[in-house]
Amino acid sequence: MSTDSNIAYVIEPSRWQVRDIPAQLRPREAMERVGEENVTDDMLLAILLGSGSQGLNVVDLARGMLKHYDGSLTALAAASIDELMAFKGVGRTKAILLKAALETGRRLHDEALPGDAVVRTPEDVASLLGPRVRTLESEVFWVVHLNAKNVAKGRPKAVTQGLLNASLVHPREIFREAVRSSAAAVVLAHNHPSGDPTPSAEDIRITRQLIDAGKIVDIKVLDHVVLGRPGHDSGRAFMSMREEGLVAF
């Protein structure tokens, strides 16, 4: 989400300058002393920012940015470069550095995911895709290819991006790779950027269409999991159409 360049987020400064903070509590020194795994989120962010601005030290800037996003690094990672630049003390170079660092963290998580994960439950699907979903601003449709023992054949495949409809999520696109990889079954998944995982009428209609297409090529559709965001008013981070009985699989 972009923000108007005239908008600026105001952070109340403390009366301290970084040089006034005891040496052992300054961001870089603190990380050297306690280790990166024990440093708080605001200190890590302060290290990435490097400096604040006139009248605002870097620790206050980092804490103010996190507070703006309710303490969520995930929400911060979803902010655009222009939105980050709305904070006084964050220019384009710093904003790009932050985006690069947070994206690196997301990719490290993806890299750590096993390519042969067992997928038997909606929770398994949410574990595979959850970190990707949290920062997306548009709908993405994935297919997880499984062998006869429900072991994933590679990572989830993103098939399409944008508002889902039958013309975008075509059976040909869904099952082409599944046939090539000799998948015995697939699990469908997509996200709702609103955070509410409740399937729409179109979601249900598309799922029925894909189940019927899977029968033709002898590839079973086991479930369609809709992914939202933790903490949404619905109280759920994801919803399984199979478990909800919305579609006959």
C-alpha atoms as a PDB file:
ATOM      1  CA  MET A   1       0.000   0.000   0.000  1.00  0.00           C
ATOM      2  CA  SER A   2       1.466   3.335  -1.035  1.00  0.00           C
ATOM      3  CA  THR A   3       1.078   6.436   1.017  1.00  0.00           C
ATOM      4  CA  ASP A   4       0.801  10.074   0.012  1.00  0.00           C
ATOM      5  CA  SER A   5       4.254  11.638   0.029  1.00  0.00           C
ATOM      6  CA  ASN A   6       2.827  14.580   1.998  1.00  0.00           C
ATOM      7  CA  ILE A   7       1.832  12.326   4.894  1.00  0.00           C
ATOM      8  CA  ALA A   8       4.335  11.971   7.733  1.00  0.00           C
ATOM      9  CA  TYR A   9       4.030   9.673  10.738  1.00  0.00           C
ATOM     10  CA  VAL A  10       4.850  11.530  13.946  1.00  0.00           C
ATOM     11  CA  ILE A  11       6.959   9.825  16.614  1.00  0.00           C
ATOM     12  CA  GLU A  12       7.343  11.469  19.986  1.00  0.00           C
ATOM     13  CA  PRO A  13      11.057  11.675  20.803  1.00  0.00           C
ATOM     14  CA  SER A  14      12.510  10.987  24.221  1.00  0.00           C
ATOM     15  CA  ARG A  15      14.937  13.425  25.789  1.00  0.00           C
ATOM     16  CA  TRP A  16      17.795  10.980  25.249  1.00  0.00           C
ATOM     17  CA  GLN A  17      20.377  10.867  22.511  1.00  0.00           C
ATOM     18  CA  VAL A  18      21.988   7.521  21.717  1.00  0.00           C
ATOM     19  CA  ARG A  19      25.236   8.792  23.227  1.00  0.00           C
ATOM     20  CA  ASP A  20      23.354   9.323  26.510  1.00  0.00           C
ATOM     21  CA  ILE A  21      22.319   5.660  26.679  1.00  0.00           C
ATOM     22  CA  PRO A  22      24.700   3.474  28.707  1.00  0.00           C
ATOM     23  CA  ALA A  23      27.131   1.836  26.282  1.00  0.00           C
ATOM     24  CA  GLN A  24      26.033  -1.724  27.090  1.00  0.00           C
ATOM     25  CA  LEU A  25      22.409  -0.850  26.250  1.00  0.00           C
ATOM     26  CA  ARG A  26      23.042   0.727  22.858  1.00  0.00           C
ATOM     27  CA  PRO A  27      21.722  -1.401  19.949  1.00  0.00           C
ATOM     28  CA  ARG A  28      24.984  -2.712  18.484  1.00  0.00           C
ATOM     29  CA  GLU A  29      26.681  -3.150  21.833  1.00  0.00           C
ATOM     30  CA  ALA A  30      23.610  -4.908  23.222  1.00  0.00           C
ATOM     31  CA  MET A  31      23.645  -7.403  20.361  1.00  0.00           C
ATOM     32  CA  GLU A  32      27.329  -8.123  20.859  1.00  0.00           C
ATOM     33  CA  ARG A  33      26.738  -8.609  24.573  1.00  0.00           C
ATOM     34  CA  VAL A  34      23.649 -10.855  24.556  1.00  0.00           C
ATOM     35  CA  GLY A  35      23.665 -12.323  21.026  1.00  0.00           C
ATOM     36  CA  GLU A  36      21.373 -11.581  18.103  1.00  0.00           C
ATOM     37  CA  GLU A  37      18.803 -14.185  19.157  1.00  0.00           C
ATOM     38  CA  ASN A  38      18.240 -12.355  22.464  1.00  0.00           C
ATOM     39  CA  VAL A  39      18.016  -8.796  21.158  1.00  0.00           C
ATOM     40  CA  THR A  40      14.562  -7.222  21.149  1.00  0.00           C
ATOM     41  CA  ASP A  41      12.799  -6.404  17.878  1.00  0.00           C
ATOM     42  CA  ASP A  42      13.202  -2.663  18.356  1.00  0.00           C
ATOM     43  CA  MET A  43      16.961  -3.018  18.870  1.00  0.00           C
ATOM     44  CA  LEU A  44      17.342  -5.144  15.735  1.00  0.00           C
ATOM     45  CA  LEU A  45      15.346  -2.574  13.800  1.00  0.00           C
ATOM     46  CA  ALA A  46      17.488   0.231  15.242  1.00  0.00           C
ATOM     47  CA  ILE A  47      20.637  -1.548  14.051  1.00  0.00           C
ATOM     48  CA  LEU A  48      19.202  -1.797  10.527  1.00  0.00           C
ATOM     49  CA  LEU A  49      18.179   1.869  10.536  1.00  0.00           C
ATOM     50  CA  GLY A  50      21.628   2.930  11.692  1.00  0.00           C
ATOM     51  CA  SER A  51      20.649   6.457  12.670  1.00  0.00           C
ATOM     52  CA  GLY A  52      17.649   8.567  13.526  1.00  0.00           C
ATOM     53  CA  SER A  53      17.059  12.194  12.595  1.00  0.00           C
ATOM     54  CA  GLN A  54      17.555  15.572  14.187  1.00  0.00           C
ATOM     55  CA  GLY A  55      15.798  15.486  17.551  1.00  0.00           C
ATOM     56  CA  LEU A  56      14.909  11.775  17.264  1.00  0.00           C
ATOM     57  CA  ASN A  57      17.385   9.060  18.188  1.00  0.00           C
ATOM     58  CA  VAL A  58      17.431   5.775  16.299  1.00  0.00           C
ATOM     59  CA  VAL A  59      16.026   3.744  19.210  1.00  0.00           C
ATOM     60  CA  ASP A  60      13.007   6.039  19.475  1.00  0.00           C
ATOM     61  CA  LEU A  61      12.560   5.840  15.708  1.00  0.00           C
ATOM     62  CA  ALA A  62      12.636   2.035  15.756  1.00  0.00           C
ATOM     63  CA  ARG A  63      10.234   1.826  18.706  1.00  0.00           C
ATOM     64  CA  GLY A  64       7.903   4.373  17.137  1.00  0.00           C
ATOM     65  CA  MET A  65       7.789   2.444  13.854  1.00  0.00           C
ATOM     66  CA  LEU A  66       7.016  -0.808  15.618  1.00  0.00           C
ATOM     67  CA  LYS A  67       4.343   0.868  17.732  1.00  0.00           C
ATOM     68  CA  HIS A  68       2.729   2.216  14.556  1.00  0.00           C
ATOM     69  CA  TYR A  69       2.417  -1.391  13.350  1.00  0.00           C
ATOM     70  CA  ASP A  70       1.183  -2.693  16.724  1.00  0.00           C
ATOM     71  CA  GLY A  71       4.547  -4.273  17.468  1.00  0.00           C
ATOM     72  CA  SER A  72       4.311  -6.564  14.438  1.00  0.00           C
ATOM     73  CA  LEU A  73       7.359  -7.129  12.241  1.00  0.00           C
ATOM     74  CA  THR A  74       5.018  -8.904   9.828  1.00  0.00           C
ATOM     75  CA  ALA A  75       2.930  -5.758   9.412  1.00  0.00           C
ATOM     76  CA  LEU A  76       6.094  -3.694   9.055  1.00  0.00           C
ATOM     77  CA  ALA A  77       7.329  -6.045   6.332  1.00  0.00           C
ATOM     78  CA  ALA A  78       4.076  -5.504   4.431  1.00  0.00           C
ATOM     79  CA  ALA A  79       4.589  -1.718   4.309  1.00  0.00           C
ATOM     80  CA  SER A  80       5.647  -0.231   0.992  1.00  0.00           C
ATOM     81  CA  ILE A  81       8.850   1.745   0.535  1.00  0.00           C
ATOM     82  CA  ASP A  82       6.821   4.948   0.248  1.00  0.00           C
ATOM     83  CA  GLU A  83       4.975   4.161   3.479  1.00  0.00           C
ATOM     84  CA  LEU A  84       8.240   3.561   5.340  1.00  0.00           C
ATOM     85  CA  MET A  85       9.553   6.870   4.017  1.00  0.00           C
ATOM     86  CA  ALA A  86       6.642   8.632   5.732  1.00  0.00           C
ATOM     87  CA  PHE A  87       8.548   8.235   9.011  1.00  0.00           C
ATOM     88  CA  LYS A  88      10.833  11.177   9.687  1.00  0.00           C
ATOM     89  CA  GLY A  89      14.401   9.906   9.531  1.00  0.00           C
ATOM     90  CA  VAL A  90      13.670   7.156   6.995  1.00  0.00           C
ATOM     91  CA  GLY A  91      14.786   8.093   3.504  1.00  0.00           C
ATOM     92  CA  ARG A  92      14.600   5.946   0.395  1.00  0.00           C
ATOM     93  CA  THR A  93      17.922   4.219   1.090  1.00  0.00           C
ATOM     94  CA  LYS A  94      16.874   3.175   4.606  1.00  0.00           C
ATOM     95  CA  ALA A  95      13.432   2.093   3.416  1.00  0.00           C
ATOM     96  CA  ILE A  96      14.942  -0.108   0.709  1.00  0.00           C
ATOM     97  CA  LEU A  97      17.413  -1.580   3.225  1.00  0.00           C
ATOM     98  CA  LEU A  98      14.546  -2.452   5.594  1.00  0.00           C
ATOM     99  CA  LYS A  99      12.512  -4.056   2.811  1.00  0.00           C
ATOM    100  CA  ALA A 100      15.549  -6.069   1.692  1.00  0.00           C
ATOM    101  CA  ALA A 101      16.329  -7.261   5.232  1.00  0.00           C
ATOM    102  CA  LEU A 102      12.749  -8.330   5.960  1.00  0.00           C
ATOM    103  CA  GLU A 103      12.439 -10.051   2.577  1.00  0.00           C
ATOM    104  CA  THR A 104      15.700 -11.896   3.254  1.00  0.00           C
ATOM    105  CA  GLY A 105      14.196 -13.196   6.496  1.00  0.00           C
ATOM    106  CA  ARG A 106      11.105 -14.431   4.656  1.00  0.00           C
ATOM    107  CA  ARG A 107      13.220 -16.211   2.053  1.00  0.00           C
ATOM    108  CA  LEU A 108      15.353 -17.834   4.745  1.00  0.00           C
ATOM    109  CA  HIS A 109      12.169 -19.256   6.250  1.00  0.00           C
ATOM    110  CA  ASP A 110      11.088 -20.598   2.856  1.00  0.00           C
ATOM    111  CA  GLU A 111      14.513 -22.123   2.300  1.00  0.00           C
ATOM    112  CA  ALA A 112      14.285 -23.944   5.623  1.00  0.00           C
ATOM    113  CA  LEU A 113      10.987 -25.581   4.714  1.00  0.00           C
ATOM    114  CA  PRO A 114      11.433 -29.241   3.833  1.00  0.00           C
ATOM    115  CA  GLY A 115      10.649 -30.097   0.223  1.00  0.00           C
ATOM    116  CA  ASP A 116       9.218 -33.427   1.333  1.00  0.00           C
ATOM    117  CA  ALA A 117       6.823 -32.206   4.028  1.00  0.00           C
ATOM    118  CA  VAL A 118       3.893 -34.435   4.935  1.00  0.00           C
ATOM    119  CA  VAL A 119       0.595 -32.642   4.311  1.00  0.00           C
ATOM    120  CA  ARG A 120      -2.372 -34.285   6.001  1.00  0.00           C
ATOM    121  CA  THR A 121      -4.185 -31.444   7.733  1.00  0.00           C
ATOM    122  CA  PRO A 122      -5.127 -27.805   7.113  1.00  0.00           C
ATOM    123  CA  GLU A 123      -2.600 -26.935   9.829  1.00  0.00           C
ATOM    124  CA  ASP A 124       0.124 -28.489   7.663  1.00  0.00           C
ATOM    125  CA  VAL A 125      -0.908 -26.261   4.751  1.00  0.00           C
ATOM    126  CA  ALA A 126      -0.959 -23.185   6.986  1.00  0.00           C
ATOM    127  CA  SER A 127       2.553 -24.021   8.217  1.00  0.00           C
ATOM    128  CA  LEU A 128       3.830 -24.231   4.656  1.00  0.00           C
ATOM    129  CA  LEU A 129       2.242 -21.024   3.438  1.00  0.00           C
ATOM    130  CA  GLY A 130       1.567 -18.898   6.519  1.00  0.00           C
ATOM    131  CA  PRO A 131       4.716 -16.719   6.424  1.00  0.00           C
ATOM    132  CA  ARG A 132       4.175 -15.901   2.738  1.00  0.00           C
ATOM    133  CA  VAL A 133       0.558 -14.959   3.260  1.00  0.00           C
ATOM    134  CA  ARG A 134       1.047 -12.408   6.028  1.00  0.00           C
ATOM    135  CA  THR A 135       2.558  -9.727   3.806  1.00  0.00           C
ATOM    136  CA  LEU A 136       0.517 -10.263   0.624  1.00  0.00           C
ATOM    137  CA  GLU A 137      -1.807  -7.516  -0.541  1.00  0.00           C
ATOM    138  CA  SER A 138      -3.455  -9.523  -3.336  1.00  0.00           C
ATOM    139  CA  GLU A 139      -4.876 -13.025  -3.606  1.00  0.00           C
ATOM    140  CA  VAL A 140      -2.511 -15.803  -4.659  1.00  0.00           C
ATOM    141  CA  PHE A 141      -3.647 -19.331  -5.525  1.00  0.00           C
ATOM    142  CA  TRP A 142      -1.323 -22.245  -4.731  1.00  0.00           C
ATOM    143  CA  VAL A 143      -1.364 -25.949  -5.464  1.00  0.00           C
ATOM    144  CA  VAL A 144       0.446 -28.479  -3.277  1.00  0.00           C
ATOM    145  CA  HIS A 145       1.318 -31.647  -5.180  1.00  0.00           C
ATOM    146  CA  LEU A 146       1.279 -34.846  -3.121  1.00  0.00           C
ATOM    147  CA  ASN A 147       2.363 -38.433  -3.683  1.00  0.00           C
ATOM    148  CA  ALA A 148       0.300 -41.430  -2.589  1.00  0.00           C
ATOM    149  CA  LYS A 149       1.598 -41.048   0.996  1.00  0.00           C
ATOM    150  CA  ASN A 150       0.642 -37.371   1.268  1.00  0.00           C
ATOM    151  CA  VAL A 151       4.248 -36.228   0.980  1.00  0.00           C
ATOM    152  CA  ALA A 152       4.633 -32.919  -0.852  1.00  0.00           C
ATOM    153  CA  LYS A 153       6.392 -33.166  -4.207  1.00  0.00           C
ATOM    154  CA  GLY A 154       8.379 -29.952  -3.973  1.00  0.00           C
ATOM    155  CA  ARG A 155       7.176 -26.617  -2.651  1.00  0.00           C
ATOM    156  CA  PRO A 156       3.666 -25.196  -3.159  1.00  0.00           C
ATOM    157  CA  LYS A 157       3.234 -23.857  -6.699  1.00  0.00           C
ATOM    158  CA  ALA A 158       1.781 -20.373  -7.118  1.00  0.00           C
ATOM    159  CA  VAL A 159      -0.614 -20.618 -10.072  1.00  0.00           C
ATOM    160  CA  THR A 160      -2.147 -17.173 -10.273  1.00  0.00           C
ATOM    161  CA  GLN A 161      -2.235 -13.830  -8.529  1.00  0.00           C
ATOM    162  CA  GLY A 162      -5.099 -11.351  -8.374  1.00  0.00           C
ATOM    163  CA  LEU A 163      -8.812 -11.466  -7.636  1.00  0.00           C
ATOM    164  CA  LEU A 164      -9.802 -15.097  -8.033  1.00  0.00           C
ATOM    165  CA  ASN A 165     -12.329 -16.076 -10.656  1.00  0.00           C
ATOM    166  CA  ALA A 166     -12.947 -19.079 -12.873  1.00  0.00           C
ATOM    167  CA  SER A 167     -11.096 -17.544 -15.833  1.00  0.00           C
ATOM    168  CA  LEU A 168      -7.902 -17.114 -13.796  1.00  0.00           C
ATOM    169  CA  VAL A 169      -8.014 -20.401 -11.905  1.00  0.00           C
ATOM    170  CA  HIS A 170      -8.443 -22.675 -14.895  1.00  0.00           C
ATOM    171  CA  PRO A 171      -8.246 -26.473 -14.470  1.00  0.00           C
ATOM    172  CA  ARG A 172      -5.639 -26.626 -17.222  1.00  0.00           C
ATOM    173  CA  GLU A 173      -3.278 -24.422 -15.190  1.00  0.00           C
ATOM    174  CA  ILE A 174      -4.000 -26.301 -11.971  1.00  0.00           C
ATOM    175  CA  PHE A 175      -3.441 -29.824 -13.234  1.00  0.00           C
ATOM    176  CA  ARG A 176      -0.784 -29.387 -15.933  1.00  0.00           C
ATOM    177  CA  GLU A 177       2.110 -29.481 -13.457  1.00  0.00           C
ATOM    178  CA  ALA A 178       0.359 -32.063 -11.294  1.00  0.00           C
ATOM    179  CA  VAL A 179       0.219 -34.447 -14.250  1.00  0.00           C
ATOM    180  CA  ARG A 180       3.863 -33.754 -15.151  1.00  0.00           C
ATOM    181  CA  SER A 181       4.992 -34.453 -11.599  1.00  0.00           C
ATOM    182  CA  SER A 182       2.871 -37.627 -11.390  1.00  0.00           C
ATOM    183  CA  ALA A 183       1.033 -36.279  -8.354  1.00  0.00           C
ATOM    184  CA  ALA A 184      -1.497 -38.643  -6.799  1.00  0.00           C
ATOM    185  CA  ALA A 185      -3.435 -35.778  -5.212  1.00  0.00           C
ATOM    186  CA  VAL A 186      -3.380 -32.026  -4.693  1.00  0.00           C
ATOM    187  CA  VAL A 187      -4.376 -29.589  -1.995  1.00  0.00           C
ATOM    188  CA  LEU A 188      -5.574 -26.166  -3.106  1.00  0.00           C
ATOM    189  CA  ALA A 189      -4.904 -23.012  -1.117  1.00  0.00           C
ATOM    190  CA  HIS A 190      -5.318 -19.293  -1.486  1.00  0.00           C
ATOM    191  CA  ASN A 191      -5.216 -16.249   0.753  1.00  0.00           C
ATOM    192  CA  HIS A 192      -7.656 -13.498   1.626  1.00  0.00           C
ATOM    193  CA  PRO A 193      -5.717 -10.221   2.077  1.00  0.00           C
ATOM    194  CA  SER A 194      -8.559  -8.940   4.251  1.00  0.00           C
ATOM    195  CA  GLY A 195      -7.470 -11.467   6.870  1.00  0.00           C
ATOM    196  CA  ASP A 196     -10.893 -13.155   6.996  1.00  0.00           C
ATOM    197  CA  PRO A 197     -10.512 -16.771   5.770  1.00  0.00           C
ATOM    198  CA  THR A 198     -14.240 -17.324   5.220  1.00  0.00           C
ATOM    199  CA  PRO A 199     -14.645 -18.772   1.678  1.00  0.00           C
ATOM    200  CA  SER A 200     -16.704 -16.754  -0.766  1.00  0.00           C
ATOM    201  CA  ALA A 201     -19.386 -18.192  -3.031  1.00  0.00           C
ATOM    202  CA  GLU A 202     -16.903 -17.888  -5.923  1.00  0.00           C
ATOM    203  CA  ASP A 203     -14.251 -19.777  -3.913  1.00  0.00           C
ATOM    204  CA  ILE A 204     -16.703 -22.629  -3.412  1.00  0.00           C
ATOM    205  CA  ARG A 205     -17.769 -22.641  -7.059  1.00  0.00           C
ATOM    206  CA  ILE A 206     -14.168 -22.747  -8.286  1.00  0.00           C
ATOM    207  CA  THR A 207     -13.382 -25.590  -5.876  1.00  0.00           C
ATOM    208  CA  ARG A 208     -16.250 -27.711  -7.171  1.00  0.00           C
ATOM    209  CA  GLN A 209     -15.114 -27.081 -10.737  1.00  0.00           C
ATOM    210  CA  LEU A 210     -11.549 -28.174  -9.909  1.00  0.00           C
ATOM    211  CA  ILE A 211     -12.709 -31.285  -8.042  1.00  0.00           C
ATOM    212  CA  ASP A 212     -14.661 -32.373 -11.137  1.00  0.00           C
ATOM    213  CA  ALA A 213     -11.658 -31.660 -13.383  1.00  0.00           C
ATOM    214  CA  GLY A 214      -9.406 -33.673 -11.080  1.00  0.00           C
ATOM    215  CA  LYS A 215     -11.632 -36.707 -11.482  1.00  0.00           C
ATOM    216  CA  ILE A 216     -11.132 -36.583 -15.246  1.00  0.00           C
ATOM    217  CA  VAL A 217      -7.324 -36.740 -14.940  1.00  0.00           C
ATOM    218  CA  ASP A 218      -7.463 -39.083 -11.904  1.00  0.00           C
ATOM    219  CA  ILE A 219      -5.889 -36.614  -9.493  1.00  0.00           C
ATOM    220  CA  LYS A 220      -7.844 -36.210  -6.283  1.00  0.00           C
ATOM    221  CA  VAL A 221      -8.403 -32.775  -4.766  1.00  0.00           C
ATOM    222  CA  LEU A 222      -8.116 -33.386  -1.027  1.00  0.00           C
ATOM    223  CA  ASP A 223      -8.977 -29.944   0.328  1.00  0.00           C
ATOM    224  CA  HIS A 224      -9.041 -26.230  -0.347  1.00  0.00           C
ATOM    225  CA  VAL A 225      -7.605 -24.174   2.496  1.00  0.00           C
ATOM    226  CA  VAL A 226      -8.321 -20.447   2.641  1.00  0.00           C
ATOM    227  CA  LEU A 227      -5.663 -18.533   4.545  1.00  0.00           C
ATOM    228  CA  GLY A 228      -6.355 -15.347   6.474  1.00  0.00           C
ATOM    229  CA  ARG A 229      -4.291 -13.648   9.133  1.00  0.00           C
ATOM    230  CA  PRO A 230      -3.938 -14.417  12.846  1.00  0.00           C
ATOM    231  CA  GLY A 231      -5.842 -12.026  15.055  1.00  0.00           C
ATOM    232  CA  HIS A 232      -8.582 -11.239  12.555  1.00  0.00           C
ATOM    233  CA  ASP A 233     -12.089 -10.671  13.943  1.00  0.00           C
ATOM    234  CA  SER A 234     -13.121 -14.076  12.593  1.00  0.00           C
ATOM    235  CA  GLY A 235     -10.852 -15.630  15.224  1.00  0.00           C
ATOM    236  CA  ARG A 236      -9.287 -17.992  12.697  1.00  0.00           C
ATOM    237  CA  ALA A 237      -6.107 -17.810  10.649  1.00  0.00           C
ATOM    238  CA  PHE A 238      -7.321 -20.324   8.056  1.00  0.00           C
ATOM    239  CA  MET A 239     -10.368 -22.346   7.076  1.00  0.00           C
ATOM    240  CA  SER A 240     -10.640 -25.772   5.463  1.00  0.00           C
ATOM    241  CA  MET A 241     -13.519 -26.278   3.056  1.00  0.00           C
ATOM    242  CA  ARG A 242     -13.358 -30.003   3.740  1.00  0.00           C
ATOM    243  CA  GLU A 243     -13.615 -29.613   7.505  1.00  0.00           C
ATOM    244  CA  GLU A 244     -16.397 -27.056   7.161  1.00  0.00           C
ATOM    245  CA  GLY A 245     -18.341 -29.396   4.870  1.00  0.00           C
ATOM    246  CA  LEU A 246     -18.731 -26.655   2.248  1.00  0.00           C
ATOM    247  CA  VAL A 247     -17.807 -28.922  -0.667  1.00  0.00           C
ATOM    248  CA  ALA A 248     -17.996 -32.691  -1.249  1.00  0.00           C
ATOM    249  CA  PHE A 249     -14.388 -33.791  -1.823  1.00  0.00           C
END
